[in-house]
C-alpha cells in the first residue's frame, strides 16, 4: 500500500508474548524463508499469527504462525499478480484509513497499549471477542514491537473479502508457500487457502 513513511521516536516496546512463537514459547529467532536471524537490533521483520476460537470450549488455538524478514516479505509480494496487488490496495483503501487509525490510537492516554490496537478488526470493526477466526500482524525490530500502521487484527470475515481480490496465480503462490512451510493436512489447507496477509 502507498502509505506515508513513519519515523519512530518512542513508538515501540519490548516484544509482548502475544507475538511470541506459541510453539517455542519465545520470540521467533529466524525468518521462515531465508532463516536469517531476527533478534538483533536493526533487523526488521513481520510476525503473522492465525487464530481460531472455540467459544463453547473456551479454547483459542494458533492455526499457523511465522516471522519473515522484510526482504523475503517483499520478494513474496513481488510474486503476486499485479491484478491482485491492485485489488488488495483498493480493498484496504476502501475499508481502512491506516493513517487516521494510527493517529487516533497514539492520541489515547495509553498509546502503546497493545490491547487497543488489536481490539477490533480493522476492516469490519468486529470486536476481537466476537471473532471465531482472526489473524494478527505486527512489525518488529529485533526484540521490539514497532507501532507503525501495525499491529492490527483482521477477522475471518474480512479475510474472505480479501480472498475475492486474489487471482488464480496469487492463490497458487500463497498455497505453495503454505505447503512449503507448514505442510498442513488437506482439510486444513483448504480451509486456510489464501489466508496469509500480504500488504
Protein backbone atom coordinates (compact mmCIF):
# COMPACT_ATOMS: atom_id res chain seq x y z
CA UNK A 1 0.00 0.00 0.00
CA UNK A 2 1.13 3.54 -0.63
CA UNK A 3 1.22 4.94 2.89
CA UNK A 4 3.32 7.83 4.22
CA UNK A 5 6.64 6.71 5.74
CA UNK A 6 6.78 6.61 9.54
CA UNK A 7 9.73 7.90 11.56
CA UNK A 8 9.52 6.37 15.02
CA UNK A 9 10.67 8.29 18.07
CA UNK A 10 9.37 6.32 21.03
CA UNK A 11 6.55 4.22 19.50
CA UNK A 12 7.99 0.82 20.32
CA UNK A 13 8.23 -1.52 23.28
CA UNK A 14 9.76 -4.89 24.16
CA UNK A 15 8.07 -7.62 22.15
CA UNK A 16 4.99 -8.82 24.08
CA UNK A 17 4.21 -12.53 24.39
CA UNK A 18 1.21 -12.07 22.08
CA UNK A 19 3.73 -12.08 19.22
CA UNK A 20 5.99 -14.84 20.53
CA UNK A 21 6.00 -18.18 18.78
CA UNK A 22 3.46 -20.22 20.69
CA UNK A 23 5.17 -23.40 19.58
CA UNK A 24 8.51 -22.29 21.05
CA UNK A 25 7.24 -20.10 23.89
CA UNK A 26 9.71 -17.35 22.95
CA UNK A 27 10.29 -14.76 20.22
CA UNK A 28 10.77 -16.03 16.68
CA UNK A 29 14.51 -16.42 16.15
CA UNK A 30 14.72 -16.66 12.37
CA UNK A 31 12.97 -15.85 9.10
CA UNK A 32 10.72 -18.65 7.90
CA UNK A 33 12.03 -18.26 4.34
CA UNK A 34 15.75 -17.44 4.42
CA UNK A 35 16.42 -18.49 8.03
CA UNK A 36 18.37 -15.31 8.77
CA UNK A 37 18.44 -14.32 12.48
CA UNK A 38 15.86 -11.76 13.53
CA UNK A 39 16.59 -10.70 17.09
CA UNK A 40 19.44 -8.23 16.57
CA UNK A 41 18.67 -4.51 16.78
CA UNK A 42 18.05 -3.07 13.34
CA UNK A 43 16.59 -6.27 11.88
CA UNK A 44 13.06 -5.54 10.70
CA UNK A 45 10.55 -8.34 10.22
CA UNK A 46 6.86 -9.14 10.36
CA UNK A 47 5.00 -11.64 12.52
CA UNK A 48 1.68 -13.13 11.47
CA UNK A 49 -0.45 -15.46 13.58
CA UNK A 50 -3.71 -17.09 12.51
CA UNK A 51 -6.07 -17.91 15.36
CA UNK A 52 -9.20 -20.00 15.72
CA UNK A 53 -11.55 -19.70 18.69
CA UNK A 54 -13.91 -22.38 20.01
CA UNK A 55 -16.30 -20.36 22.22
CA UNK A 56 -18.20 -23.39 23.50
CA UNK A 57 -14.96 -24.84 24.88
CA UNK A 58 -13.31 -21.57 25.84
CA UNK A 59 -10.33 -22.57 23.71
CA UNK A 60 -8.21 -20.50 21.35
CA UNK A 61 -5.57 -22.11 19.17
CA UNK A 62 -2.87 -20.97 16.79
CA UNK A 63 -3.52 -22.40 13.32
CA UNK A 64 -0.27 -21.12 11.84
CA UNK A 65 2.37 -18.60 12.80
CA UNK A 66 5.57 -17.30 11.29
CA UNK A 67 8.06 -14.46 11.22
CA UNK A 68 9.56 -13.19 7.97
CA UNK A 69 12.26 -10.62 7.30
CA UNK A 70 11.14 -7.64 5.24
CA UNK A 71 13.36 -8.66 2.32
CA UNK A 72 11.64 -12.04 1.99
CA UNK A 73 8.22 -10.47 2.57
CA UNK A 74 8.85 -8.09 -0.32
CA UNK A 75 10.07 -10.93 -2.52
CA UNK A 76 6.89 -12.86 -1.80
CA UNK A 77 4.74 -9.81 -2.54
CA UNK A 78 6.60 -9.39 -5.82
CA UNK A 79 5.42 -12.86 -6.85
CA UNK A 80 1.77 -11.85 -6.57
CA UNK A 81 -0.01 -10.80 -9.72
CA UNK A 82 -0.30 -7.10 -10.50
CA UNK A 83 -4.06 -7.53 -10.62
CA UNK A 84 -4.15 -8.96 -7.10
CA UNK A 85 -1.92 -6.25 -5.66
CA UNK A 86 -4.08 -3.57 -7.25
CA UNK A 87 -7.27 -5.19 -5.91
CA UNK A 88 -5.83 -5.64 -2.41
CA UNK A 89 -4.71 -1.99 -2.28
CA UNK A 90 -8.18 -0.91 -3.38
CA UNK A 91 -9.82 -3.17 -0.78
CA UNK A 92 -7.88 -1.62 2.09
CA UNK A 93 -8.19 1.91 0.71
CA UNK A 94 -11.98 1.46 0.73
CA UNK A 95 -12.24 -0.04 4.20
CA UNK A 96 -9.33 1.27 6.30
CA UNK A 97 -7.77 4.68 6.91
CA UNK A 98 -4.46 3.49 8.34
CA UNK A 99 -3.11 6.99 8.94
CA UNK A 100 -6.17 8.15 10.88
CA UNK A 101 -6.29 4.88 12.82
CA UNK A 102 -2.69 5.23 13.95
CA UNK A 103 -3.14 8.87 14.91
CA UNK A 104 -6.25 8.04 16.94
CA UNK A 105 -4.57 5.17 18.80
CA UNK A 106 -1.46 7.21 19.57
CA UNK A 107 -3.63 10.01 20.95
CA UNK A 108 -5.08 7.76 23.66
CA UNK A 109 -3.86 8.13 27.27
CA UNK A 110 -2.02 4.80 26.97
CA UNK A 111 -0.95 4.91 23.30
CA UNK A 112 1.16 1.75 23.32
CA UNK A 113 -1.50 -0.47 24.85
CA UNK A 114 -1.43 -3.47 22.51
CA UNK A 115 -4.95 -4.46 23.51
CA UNK A 116 -6.30 -1.27 21.94
CA UNK A 117 -4.50 -1.92 18.65
CA UNK A 118 -5.90 -5.46 18.43
CA UNK A 119 -9.37 -4.83 19.89
CA UNK A 120 -11.32 -4.81 16.60
CA UNK A 121 -10.98 -5.99 13.02
CA UNK A 122 -9.50 -3.11 11.04
CA UNK A 123 -11.82 -3.84 8.10
CA UNK A 124 -15.21 -4.76 9.58
CA UNK A 125 -14.91 -3.26 13.06
CA UNK A 126 -15.94 -6.59 14.61
CA UNK A 127 -14.71 -6.85 18.22
CA UNK A 128 -11.97 -9.39 18.77
CA UNK A 129 -14.06 -11.32 21.27
CA UNK A 130 -16.78 -11.79 18.62
CA UNK A 131 -14.39 -13.34 16.08
CA UNK A 132 -14.14 -17.11 15.79
CA UNK A 133 -11.28 -16.73 13.31
CA UNK A 134 -8.81 -13.88 13.02
CA UNK A 135 -5.25 -13.02 12.18
CA UNK A 136 -2.89 -10.62 13.89
CA UNK A 137 0.04 -8.91 12.26
CA UNK A 138 2.97 -6.95 13.65
CA UNK A 139 6.17 -5.29 12.50
CA UNK A 140 9.16 -5.85 14.74
CA UNK A 141 12.77 -4.73 15.06
CA UNK A 142 14.95 -7.24 16.85
CA UNK A 143 13.32 -7.75 20.24
CA UNK A 144 10.98 -4.75 19.92
CA UNK A 145 7.42 -4.39 18.66
CA UNK A 146 7.02 -1.32 16.46
CA UNK A 147 3.80 0.70 16.46
CA UNK A 148 3.69 1.65 12.79
CA UNK A 149 0.47 1.04 10.83
CA UNK A 150 0.66 -2.31 12.56
CA UNK A 151 -0.08 -4.11 14.81
CA UNK A 152 -3.60 -4.93 13.69
CA UNK A 153 -6.21 -7.67 13.62
CA UNK A 154 -8.18 -8.93 10.62
CA UNK A 155 -11.28 -11.08 11.13
CA UNK A 156 -12.12 -14.21 9.18
CA UNK A 157 -14.95 -12.31 7.50
CA UNK A 158 -12.52 -9.68 6.25
CA UNK A 159 -10.11 -12.36 5.05
CA UNK A 160 -12.91 -13.78 2.91
CA UNK A 161 -13.24 -10.36 1.30
CA UNK A 162 -9.50 -10.29 0.67
CA UNK A 163 -9.63 -13.70 -0.99
CA UNK A 164 -12.01 -12.30 -3.58
CA UNK A 165 -9.28 -9.83 -4.56
CA UNK A 166 -6.82 -12.57 -5.47
CA UNK A 167 -6.14 -14.00 -8.91
CA UNK A 168 -5.59 -17.70 -9.55
CA UNK A 169 -1.84 -17.02 -9.84
CA UNK A 170 -1.72 -15.29 -6.45
CA UNK A 171 -3.74 -18.07 -4.82
CA UNK A 172 -1.23 -20.59 -6.14
CA UNK A 173 1.73 -18.56 -4.84
CA UNK A 174 0.22 -18.46 -1.35
CA UNK A 175 -0.81 -22.12 -1.47
CA UNK A 176 2.75 -23.07 -2.42
CA UNK A 177 4.11 -21.01 0.46
CA UNK A 178 1.77 -22.72 2.92
CA UNK A 179 2.64 -26.16 1.56
CA UNK A 180 6.37 -25.47 1.74
CA UNK A 181 6.46 -24.12 5.26
CA UNK A 182 3.54 -25.67 7.12
CA UNK A 183 2.69 -28.98 5.46
CA UNK A 184 -0.94 -28.70 6.51
CA UNK A 185 -3.32 -31.64 6.04
CA UNK A 186 -5.67 -31.28 3.04
CA UNK A 187 -8.76 -30.38 5.08
CA UNK A 188 -6.94 -27.60 6.94
CA UNK A 189 -5.14 -26.45 3.82
CA UNK A 190 -8.48 -25.98 2.04
CA UNK A 191 -9.85 -24.06 5.00
CA UNK A 192 -6.86 -21.72 5.14
CA UNK A 193 -6.40 -21.24 1.44
CA UNK A 194 -5.14 -17.73 0.68
CA UNK A 195 -5.34 -16.70 4.34
CA UNK A 196 -1.96 -15.01 4.53
CA UNK A 197 -1.93 -11.24 4.85
CA UNK A 198 0.45 -9.66 2.37
CA UNK A 199 0.02 -5.91 2.09
